[in-house]
């Protein structure tokens, strides 16, 4: 499943904010959401109805050029380019408030069954659901992420317990 995207020129992971656009009505009026949208996981295309009943709204995640799945524990990275003119679909959940009092909305990236060359490459054979991109979107300036943290180092395995040899008593008789 997707756990990293390149939007505009930034690498974005779950828990970070993303730019999303909601297209409203037949006239295609657009509403742009920015800082209050936090990537909060994924939603299967087969269960979009469930998320919509929970108050979610379909959105477009514009300007995504690549998406990937990174498993730092296994040291495995799989990347896939988004075809020209396409981008990711999302479900924007209702506004909620953090413990600190900050208002935000969670974004679920919509996934679909993997197909063709994607099969076997991604966890649970899931890929992102693609929709038509929206041309001419102005991306706001944002501070670049700090450099990618070094891969997490696994602690060394525990030392085996060595039992001291106990001298056995020889035969007495």
C-alpha atoms as a PDB file:
ATOM      1  CA  UNK A   1       0.000   0.000   0.000  1.00  0.00           C
ATOM      2  CA  UNK A   2       1.119   3.523  -0.717  1.00  0.00           C
ATOM      3  CA  UNK A   3       3.042   5.161   2.129  1.00  0.00           C
ATOM      4  CA  UNK A   4       4.891   7.953   0.331  1.00  0.00           C
ATOM      5  CA  UNK A   5       4.037  10.325  -2.539  1.00  0.00           C
ATOM      6  CA  UNK A   6       5.875  13.057  -4.401  1.00  0.00           C
ATOM      7  CA  UNK A   7       3.458  16.016  -4.671  1.00  0.00           C
ATOM      8  CA  UNK A   8       4.763  19.030  -6.550  1.00  0.00           C
ATOM      9  CA  UNK A   9       8.410  18.592  -5.480  1.00  0.00           C
ATOM     10  CA  UNK A  10       7.930  17.375  -1.916  1.00  0.00           C
ATOM     11  CA  UNK A  11       8.076  13.882  -0.432  1.00  0.00           C
ATOM     12  CA  UNK A  12       5.003  13.425   1.753  1.00  0.00           C
ATOM     13  CA  UNK A  13       4.243  10.597   4.170  1.00  0.00           C
ATOM     14  CA  UNK A  14       1.245   9.741   6.369  1.00  0.00           C
ATOM     15  CA  UNK A  15       0.864  12.235   9.205  1.00  0.00           C
ATOM     16  CA  UNK A  16       1.984  15.169   7.051  1.00  0.00           C
ATOM     17  CA  UNK A  17      -0.270  17.738   5.388  1.00  0.00           C
ATOM     18  CA  UNK A  18      -1.199  17.566   1.709  1.00  0.00           C
ATOM     19  CA  UNK A  19      -2.879  19.857  -0.783  1.00  0.00           C
ATOM     20  CA  UNK A  20      -6.243  18.449  -1.916  1.00  0.00           C
ATOM     21  CA  UNK A  21      -8.987  19.866  -4.106  1.00  0.00           C
ATOM     22  CA  UNK A  22     -12.700  19.167  -3.923  1.00  0.00           C
ATOM     23  CA  UNK A  23     -14.634  19.678  -7.145  1.00  0.00           C
ATOM     24  CA  UNK A  24     -18.156  20.829  -6.281  1.00  0.00           C
ATOM     25  CA  UNK A  25     -21.200  20.573  -8.509  1.00  0.00           C
ATOM     26  CA  UNK A  26     -21.716  20.247 -12.245  1.00  0.00           C
ATOM     27  CA  UNK A  27     -19.972  23.559 -12.954  1.00  0.00           C
ATOM     28  CA  UNK A  28     -16.765  22.186 -11.509  1.00  0.00           C
ATOM     29  CA  UNK A  29     -16.300  24.865  -8.842  1.00  0.00           C
ATOM     30  CA  UNK A  30     -13.149  23.978  -6.887  1.00  0.00           C
ATOM     31  CA  UNK A  31     -12.480  24.304  -3.187  1.00  0.00           C
ATOM     32  CA  UNK A  32      -8.803  24.039  -2.204  1.00  0.00           C
ATOM     33  CA  UNK A  33      -7.741  22.632   1.156  1.00  0.00           C
ATOM     34  CA  UNK A  34      -4.174  22.988   2.345  1.00  0.00           C
ATOM     35  CA  UNK A  35      -2.704  23.033   5.811  1.00  0.00           C
ATOM     36  CA  UNK A  36      -5.672  21.567   7.655  1.00  0.00           C
ATOM     37  CA  UNK A  37      -5.541  18.294   5.677  1.00  0.00           C
ATOM     38  CA  UNK A  38      -3.402  15.521   7.149  1.00  0.00           C
ATOM     39  CA  UNK A  39      -2.732  12.238   5.343  1.00  0.00           C
ATOM     40  CA  UNK A  40      -4.297   9.614   7.596  1.00  0.00           C
ATOM     41  CA  UNK A  41      -3.975   6.290   5.771  1.00  0.00           C
ATOM     42  CA  UNK A  42      -5.812   4.698   2.890  1.00  0.00           C
ATOM     43  CA  UNK A  43      -9.307   3.636   1.862  1.00  0.00           C
ATOM     44  CA  UNK A  44     -10.094   0.800  -0.536  1.00  0.00           C
ATOM     45  CA  UNK A  45     -12.011   1.841  -3.640  1.00  0.00           C
ATOM     46  CA  UNK A  46     -14.395  -1.032  -2.814  1.00  0.00           C
ATOM     47  CA  UNK A  47     -15.287   0.655   0.506  1.00  0.00           C
ATOM     48  CA  UNK A  48     -15.685   4.282  -0.653  1.00  0.00           C
ATOM     49  CA  UNK A  49     -19.374   4.029   0.237  1.00  0.00           C
ATOM     50  CA  UNK A  50     -18.480   3.270   3.870  1.00  0.00           C
ATOM     51  CA  UNK A  51     -16.196   6.316   4.121  1.00  0.00           C
ATOM     52  CA  UNK A  52     -18.797   8.551   2.472  1.00  0.00           C
ATOM     53  CA  UNK A  53     -21.431   7.383   4.996  1.00  0.00           C
ATOM     54  CA  UNK A  54     -18.948   8.441   7.716  1.00  0.00           C
ATOM     55  CA  UNK A  55     -19.045  11.968   6.262  1.00  0.00           C
ATOM     56  CA  UNK A  56     -16.127  11.642   3.828  1.00  0.00           C
ATOM     57  CA  UNK A  57     -16.071  13.584   0.566  1.00  0.00           C
ATOM     58  CA  UNK A  58     -14.298  12.592  -2.658  1.00  0.00           C
ATOM     59  CA  UNK A  59     -11.322  14.815  -3.539  1.00  0.00           C
ATOM     60  CA  UNK A  60      -8.493  15.019  -6.042  1.00  0.00           C
ATOM     61  CA  UNK A  61      -4.884  15.052  -4.791  1.00  0.00           C
ATOM     62  CA  UNK A  62      -3.284  17.172  -7.542  1.00  0.00           C
ATOM     63  CA  UNK A  63       0.254  17.216  -8.845  1.00  0.00           C
ATOM     64  CA  UNK A  64       1.360  13.782  -7.641  1.00  0.00           C
ATOM     65  CA  UNK A  65       4.205  12.606  -9.890  1.00  0.00           C
ATOM     66  CA  UNK A  66       5.256   9.395  -8.101  1.00  0.00           C
ATOM     67  CA  UNK A  67       4.021   7.169  -5.335  1.00  0.00           C
ATOM     68  CA  UNK A  68       5.727   4.399  -3.483  1.00  0.00           C
ATOM     69  CA  UNK A  69       5.918   1.920  -0.718  1.00  0.00           C
ATOM     70  CA  UNK A  70       8.937   2.014   1.555  1.00  0.00           C
ATOM     71  CA  UNK A  71       9.712  -0.613   4.167  1.00  0.00           C
ATOM     72  CA  UNK A  72      12.714   0.690   6.081  1.00  0.00           C
ATOM     73  CA  UNK A  73      12.854  -2.409   8.280  1.00  0.00           C
ATOM     74  CA  UNK A  74      13.399  -4.640   5.235  1.00  0.00           C
ATOM     75  CA  UNK A  75      15.311  -2.002   3.269  1.00  0.00           C
ATOM     76  CA  UNK A  76      12.831  -2.359   0.387  1.00  0.00           C
ATOM     77  CA  UNK A  77      11.523   0.484  -1.789  1.00  0.00           C
ATOM     78  CA  UNK A  78       9.041   0.192  -4.654  1.00  0.00           C
ATOM     79  CA  UNK A  79       8.211   3.298  -6.701  1.00  0.00           C
ATOM     80  CA  UNK A  80       5.812   3.918  -9.546  1.00  0.00           C
ATOM     81  CA  UNK A  81       5.386   6.996 -11.732  1.00  0.00           C
ATOM     82  CA  UNK A  82       1.914   8.476 -12.134  1.00  0.00           C
ATOM     83  CA  UNK A  83       1.002   8.654 -15.854  1.00  0.00           C
ATOM     84  CA  UNK A  84       0.863  12.180 -17.364  1.00  0.00           C
ATOM     85  CA  UNK A  85      -2.545  13.811 -16.887  1.00  0.00           C
ATOM     86  CA  UNK A  86      -3.424  11.540 -13.946  1.00  0.00           C
ATOM     87  CA  UNK A  87      -3.191  11.947 -10.179  1.00  0.00           C
ATOM     88  CA  UNK A  88      -4.460  10.310  -6.981  1.00  0.00           C
ATOM     89  CA  UNK A  89      -8.011  10.080  -5.647  1.00  0.00           C
ATOM     90  CA  UNK A  90      -8.793  10.682  -1.995  1.00  0.00           C
ATOM     91  CA  UNK A  91     -11.546  10.774   0.614  1.00  0.00           C
ATOM     92  CA  UNK A  92     -11.550  13.828   2.886  1.00  0.00           C
ATOM     93  CA  UNK A  93     -13.042  13.101   6.303  1.00  0.00           C
ATOM     94  CA  UNK A  94     -15.009  15.629   8.413  1.00  0.00           C
ATOM     95  CA  UNK A  95     -13.129  18.155  10.520  1.00  0.00           C
ATOM     96  CA  UNK A  96     -11.925  17.000  13.898  1.00  0.00           C
ATOM     97  CA  UNK A  97      -9.932  18.604  16.717  1.00  0.00           C
ATOM     98  CA  UNK A  98      -6.645  17.381  18.176  1.00  0.00           C
ATOM     99  CA  UNK A  99      -5.980  17.200  21.911  1.00  0.00           C
ATOM    100  CA  UNK A 100      -4.035  20.439  21.528  1.00  0.00           C
ATOM    101  CA  UNK A 101      -7.117  22.149  20.043  1.00  0.00           C
ATOM    102  CA  UNK A 102      -5.917  22.210  16.416  1.00  0.00           C
ATOM    103  CA  UNK A 103      -8.625  21.696  13.784  1.00  0.00           C
ATOM    104  CA  UNK A 104      -7.797  19.383  10.872  1.00  0.00           C
ATOM    105  CA  UNK A 105      -9.287  16.908   8.408  1.00  0.00           C
ATOM    106  CA  UNK A 106      -7.920  13.445   7.699  1.00  0.00           C
ATOM    107  CA  UNK A 107      -7.280  12.430   4.118  1.00  0.00           C
ATOM    108  CA  UNK A 108      -7.594   8.810   3.026  1.00  0.00           C
ATOM    109  CA  UNK A 109      -5.708   7.964  -0.193  1.00  0.00           C
ATOM    110  CA  UNK A 110      -7.935   5.668  -2.263  1.00  0.00           C
ATOM    111  CA  UNK A 111      -6.358   2.340  -3.251  1.00  0.00           C
ATOM    112  CA  UNK A 112      -7.421  -0.177  -5.871  1.00  0.00           C
ATOM    113  CA  UNK A 113      -6.408  -3.760  -6.635  1.00  0.00           C
ATOM    114  CA  UNK A 114      -2.957  -3.948  -8.208  1.00  0.00           C
ATOM    115  CA  UNK A 115      -2.880  -4.963 -11.856  1.00  0.00           C
ATOM    116  CA  UNK A 116      -0.350  -6.154 -14.406  1.00  0.00           C
ATOM    117  CA  UNK A 117       3.252  -5.399 -13.424  1.00  0.00           C
ATOM    118  CA  UNK A 118       2.113  -4.115 -10.017  1.00  0.00           C
ATOM    119  CA  UNK A 119       1.116  -7.601  -8.855  1.00  0.00           C
ATOM    120  CA  UNK A 120       3.530  -8.959  -6.284  1.00  0.00           C
ATOM    121  CA  UNK A 121       5.407  -5.669  -5.955  1.00  0.00           C
ATOM    122  CA  UNK A 122       3.215  -3.947  -3.384  1.00  0.00           C
ATOM    123  CA  UNK A 123       1.947  -5.042   0.032  1.00  0.00           C
ATOM    124  CA  UNK A 124      -1.389  -6.823  -0.177  1.00  0.00           C
ATOM    125  CA  UNK A 125      -1.339  -6.200  -3.961  1.00  0.00           C
ATOM    126  CA  UNK A 126      -2.858  -2.700  -3.597  1.00  0.00           C
ATOM    127  CA  UNK A 127      -2.048   0.328  -5.755  1.00  0.00           C
ATOM    128  CA  UNK A 128      -3.348   3.900  -5.759  1.00  0.00           C
ATOM    129  CA  UNK A 129      -6.581   4.771  -7.577  1.00  0.00           C
ATOM    130  CA  UNK A 130      -5.928   7.272 -10.371  1.00  0.00           C
ATOM    131  CA  UNK A 131      -8.169  10.104 -11.602  1.00  0.00           C
ATOM    132  CA  UNK A 132      -7.708  12.951 -14.102  1.00  0.00           C
ATOM    133  CA  UNK A 133      -5.363  15.662 -12.809  1.00  0.00           C
ATOM    134  CA  UNK A 134      -6.476  19.283 -12.585  1.00  0.00           C
ATOM    135  CA  UNK A 135      -4.243  21.533 -14.733  1.00  0.00           C
ATOM    136  CA  UNK A 136      -2.955  24.935 -13.642  1.00  0.00           C
ATOM    137  CA  UNK A 137      -2.899  24.363  -9.875  1.00  0.00           C
ATOM    138  CA  UNK A 138      -0.701  26.840  -7.987  1.00  0.00           C
ATOM    139  CA  UNK A 139       1.081  25.046  -5.179  1.00  0.00           C
ATOM    140  CA  UNK A 140       1.739  27.063  -2.024  1.00  0.00           C
ATOM    141  CA  UNK A 141       5.307  27.385  -0.777  1.00  0.00           C
ATOM    142  CA  UNK A 142       6.089  25.016   2.029  1.00  0.00           C
ATOM    143  CA  UNK A 143       9.181  24.326   4.006  1.00  0.00           C
ATOM    144  CA  UNK A 144      11.041  21.298   2.748  1.00  0.00           C
ATOM    145  CA  UNK A 145      11.136  18.331   5.043  1.00  0.00           C
ATOM    146  CA  UNK A 146      14.239  17.832   7.061  1.00  0.00           C
ATOM    147  CA  UNK A 147      16.629  15.444   5.352  1.00  0.00           C
ATOM    148  CA  UNK A 148      15.429  11.893   5.225  1.00  0.00           C
ATOM    149  CA  UNK A 149      16.260  10.226   8.532  1.00  0.00           C
ATOM    150  CA  UNK A 150      18.748   7.397   8.344  1.00  0.00           C
ATOM    151  CA  UNK A 151      17.194   3.946   8.122  1.00  0.00           C
ATOM    152  CA  UNK A 152      16.162   2.654  11.481  1.00  0.00           C
ATOM    153  CA  UNK A 153      18.844   0.385  12.853  1.00  0.00           C
ATOM    154  CA  UNK A 154      17.612  -2.791  14.383  1.00  0.00           C
ATOM    155  CA  UNK A 155      19.113  -3.565  17.777  1.00  0.00           C
ATOM    156  CA  UNK A 156      21.575  -6.425  17.700  1.00  0.00           C
ATOM    157  CA  UNK A 157      20.139  -9.786  18.671  1.00  0.00           C
ATOM    158  CA  UNK A 158      20.577 -10.607  22.334  1.00  0.00           C
ATOM    159  CA  UNK A 159      23.701 -12.456  23.245  1.00  0.00           C
ATOM    160  CA  UNK A 160      23.048 -16.157  23.645  1.00  0.00           C
ATOM    161  CA  UNK A 161      23.002 -17.317  27.215  1.00  0.00           C
ATOM    162  CA  UNK A 162      26.031 -19.463  27.811  1.00  0.00           C
ATOM    163  CA  UNK A 163      25.675 -21.838  30.677  1.00  0.00           C
ATOM    164  CA  UNK A 164      28.936 -22.469  32.466  1.00  0.00           C
ATOM    165  CA  UNK A 165      30.099 -26.016  32.253  1.00  0.00           C
ATOM    166  CA  UNK A 166      29.553 -27.772  35.494  1.00  0.00           C
ATOM    167  CA  UNK A 167      32.085 -30.409  36.350  1.00  0.00           C
ATOM    168  CA  UNK A 168      30.327 -33.711  36.770  1.00  0.00           C
ATOM    169  CA  UNK A 169      31.312 -36.174  39.384  1.00  0.00           C
ATOM    170  CA  UNK A 170      33.013 -39.237  37.992  1.00  0.00           C
ATOM    171  CA  UNK A 171      31.981 -42.760  38.895  1.00  0.00           C
ATOM    172  CA  UNK A 172      32.568 -43.661  42.490  1.00  0.00           C
ATOM    173  CA  UNK A 173      32.467 -47.401  42.121  1.00  0.00           C
END
